[in-house]
């Protein structure tokens, strides 16, 4: 079973992904790389983890039900760590 980390390219998500992968767990990352801050920084955050064979990245929005369904079916997700968020959202 894999652990799904949403918001995996952010600061906390990327560090958690590296830690879980280093412990030998299979990690599935989901991030939309929005431009609230630099997508290049986010890609850099994940660069080390993505070199590990037990880490898989899906690019997309967690609000995309079809994408989430495909990820769960393909990856046999056993747990979810939900860190995805939109910073600075005002109502």
C-alpha atoms as a PDB file:
ATOM      1  CA  UNK A   1       0.000   0.000   0.000  1.00  0.00           C
ATOM      2  CA  UNK A   2       1.145   3.510  -0.817  1.00  0.00           C
ATOM      3  CA  UNK A   3       0.862   6.782   1.038  1.00  0.00           C
ATOM      4  CA  UNK A   4      -0.667   9.623  -0.974  1.00  0.00           C
ATOM      5  CA  UNK A   5       0.742  13.050  -0.107  1.00  0.00           C
ATOM      6  CA  UNK A   6      -1.302  15.942  -1.483  1.00  0.00           C
ATOM      7  CA  UNK A   7       0.541  19.231  -1.746  1.00  0.00           C
ATOM      8  CA  UNK A   8       3.718  17.185  -1.988  1.00  0.00           C
ATOM      9  CA  UNK A   9       5.752  19.898  -3.708  1.00  0.00           C
ATOM     10  CA  UNK A  10       5.352  22.380  -0.882  1.00  0.00           C
ATOM     11  CA  UNK A  11       7.901  22.782   1.884  1.00  0.00           C
ATOM     12  CA  UNK A  12       6.273  20.407   4.370  1.00  0.00           C
ATOM     13  CA  UNK A  13       4.978  17.973   1.753  1.00  0.00           C
ATOM     14  CA  UNK A  14       8.351  17.584   0.079  1.00  0.00           C
ATOM     15  CA  UNK A  15      10.145  16.953   3.367  1.00  0.00           C
ATOM     16  CA  UNK A  16       7.519  14.415   4.411  1.00  0.00           C
ATOM     17  CA  UNK A  17       7.792  12.685   1.028  1.00  0.00           C
ATOM     18  CA  UNK A  18      11.572  12.382   1.374  1.00  0.00           C
ATOM     19  CA  UNK A  19      11.266  11.021   4.904  1.00  0.00           C
ATOM     20  CA  UNK A  20       8.630   8.418   4.047  1.00  0.00           C
ATOM     21  CA  UNK A  21      10.553   7.308   0.965  1.00  0.00           C
ATOM     22  CA  UNK A  22      13.803   7.074   2.942  1.00  0.00           C
ATOM     23  CA  UNK A  23      11.981   4.773   5.372  1.00  0.00           C
ATOM     24  CA  UNK A  24      11.198   2.504   2.427  1.00  0.00           C
ATOM     25  CA  UNK A  25       7.551   3.401   2.026  1.00  0.00           C
ATOM     26  CA  UNK A  26       5.959   3.817  -1.379  1.00  0.00           C
ATOM     27  CA  UNK A  27       4.870   7.444  -1.774  1.00  0.00           C
ATOM     28  CA  UNK A  28       2.500   8.889  -4.343  1.00  0.00           C
ATOM     29  CA  UNK A  29       2.717  12.660  -4.702  1.00  0.00           C
ATOM     30  CA  UNK A  30      -0.092  14.846  -5.996  1.00  0.00           C
ATOM     31  CA  UNK A  31       0.444  18.548  -6.643  1.00  0.00           C
ATOM     32  CA  UNK A  32      -0.845  21.077  -9.154  1.00  0.00           C
ATOM     33  CA  UNK A  33       2.271  23.293  -9.051  1.00  0.00           C
ATOM     34  CA  UNK A  34       0.134  26.443  -8.940  1.00  0.00           C
ATOM     35  CA  UNK A  35       1.939  29.734  -9.250  1.00  0.00           C
ATOM     36  CA  UNK A  36       1.175  31.236  -5.826  1.00  0.00           C
ATOM     37  CA  UNK A  37       4.909  30.909  -5.494  1.00  0.00           C
ATOM     38  CA  UNK A  38       7.388  29.692  -8.079  1.00  0.00           C
ATOM     39  CA  UNK A  39       6.586  26.282  -9.578  1.00  0.00           C
ATOM     40  CA  UNK A  40      10.338  25.945 -10.201  1.00  0.00           C
ATOM     41  CA  UNK A  41      10.946  26.149  -6.451  1.00  0.00           C
ATOM     42  CA  UNK A  42       8.301  23.477  -5.903  1.00  0.00           C
ATOM     43  CA  UNK A  43       9.910  21.215  -8.515  1.00  0.00           C
ATOM     44  CA  UNK A  44      13.228  21.761  -6.764  1.00  0.00           C
ATOM     45  CA  UNK A  45      11.619  20.795  -3.456  1.00  0.00           C
ATOM     46  CA  UNK A  46      10.705  17.393  -4.909  1.00  0.00           C
ATOM     47  CA  UNK A  47      13.782  16.784  -7.049  1.00  0.00           C
ATOM     48  CA  UNK A  48      15.628  14.544  -4.569  1.00  0.00           C
ATOM     49  CA  UNK A  49      12.554  12.469  -3.727  1.00  0.00           C
ATOM     50  CA  UNK A  50      11.684  11.917  -7.387  1.00  0.00           C
ATOM     51  CA  UNK A  51      15.030  10.195  -7.899  1.00  0.00           C
ATOM     52  CA  UNK A  52      13.907   7.459  -5.497  1.00  0.00           C
ATOM     53  CA  UNK A  53      12.292   4.422  -7.132  1.00  0.00           C
ATOM     54  CA  UNK A  54       9.472   4.306  -4.574  1.00  0.00           C
ATOM     55  CA  UNK A  55       8.157   7.824  -5.328  1.00  0.00           C
ATOM     56  CA  UNK A  56       5.596   8.579  -8.031  1.00  0.00           C
ATOM     57  CA  UNK A  57       4.354  12.053  -9.023  1.00  0.00           C
ATOM     58  CA  UNK A  58       0.972  13.006 -10.433  1.00  0.00           C
ATOM     59  CA  UNK A  59       0.491  16.603 -11.521  1.00  0.00           C
ATOM     60  CA  UNK A  60      -3.036  17.866 -11.095  1.00  0.00           C
ATOM     61  CA  UNK A  61      -5.658  19.419  -8.883  1.00  0.00           C
ATOM     62  CA  UNK A  62      -7.174  17.503  -5.971  1.00  0.00           C
ATOM     63  CA  UNK A  63     -10.548  18.917  -7.026  1.00  0.00           C
ATOM     64  CA  UNK A  64     -10.342  16.805 -10.199  1.00  0.00           C
ATOM     65  CA  UNK A  65     -12.400  13.793  -9.144  1.00  0.00           C
ATOM     66  CA  UNK A  66     -11.418  11.785 -12.223  1.00  0.00           C
ATOM     67  CA  UNK A  67      -7.726  12.255 -11.531  1.00  0.00           C
ATOM     68  CA  UNK A  68      -8.123  11.280  -7.885  1.00  0.00           C
ATOM     69  CA  UNK A  69     -10.071   8.174  -8.872  1.00  0.00           C
ATOM     70  CA  UNK A  70      -7.339   7.140 -11.345  1.00  0.00           C
ATOM     71  CA  UNK A  71      -4.612   7.672  -8.744  1.00  0.00           C
ATOM     72  CA  UNK A  72      -6.429   5.574  -6.138  1.00  0.00           C
ATOM     73  CA  UNK A  73      -7.091   2.767  -8.630  1.00  0.00           C
ATOM     74  CA  UNK A  74      -3.551   2.665 -10.061  1.00  0.00           C
ATOM     75  CA  UNK A  75      -1.574   3.113  -6.884  1.00  0.00           C
ATOM     76  CA  UNK A  76      -3.374   1.094  -4.204  1.00  0.00           C
ATOM     77  CA  UNK A  77      -3.475   3.970  -1.715  1.00  0.00           C
ATOM     78  CA  UNK A  78      -3.587   2.889   1.925  1.00  0.00           C
ATOM     79  CA  UNK A  79      -3.375   6.270   3.597  1.00  0.00           C
ATOM     80  CA  UNK A  80      -3.567   9.948   2.713  1.00  0.00           C
ATOM     81  CA  UNK A  81      -1.661  12.885   4.148  1.00  0.00           C
ATOM     82  CA  UNK A  82      -3.594  15.928   2.955  1.00  0.00           C
ATOM     83  CA  UNK A  83      -1.365  19.001   2.832  1.00  0.00           C
ATOM     84  CA  UNK A  84      -2.696  20.653  -0.335  1.00  0.00           C
ATOM     85  CA  UNK A  85      -4.033  24.155   0.208  1.00  0.00           C
ATOM     86  CA  UNK A  86      -4.381  27.520  -1.456  1.00  0.00           C
ATOM     87  CA  UNK A  87      -2.427  30.114   0.481  1.00  0.00           C
ATOM     88  CA  UNK A  88      -3.909  33.561   0.887  1.00  0.00           C
ATOM     89  CA  UNK A  89      -7.507  32.591   0.109  1.00  0.00           C
ATOM     90  CA  UNK A  90      -9.970  35.259   1.244  1.00  0.00           C
ATOM     91  CA  UNK A  91     -13.745  34.951   1.381  1.00  0.00           C
END
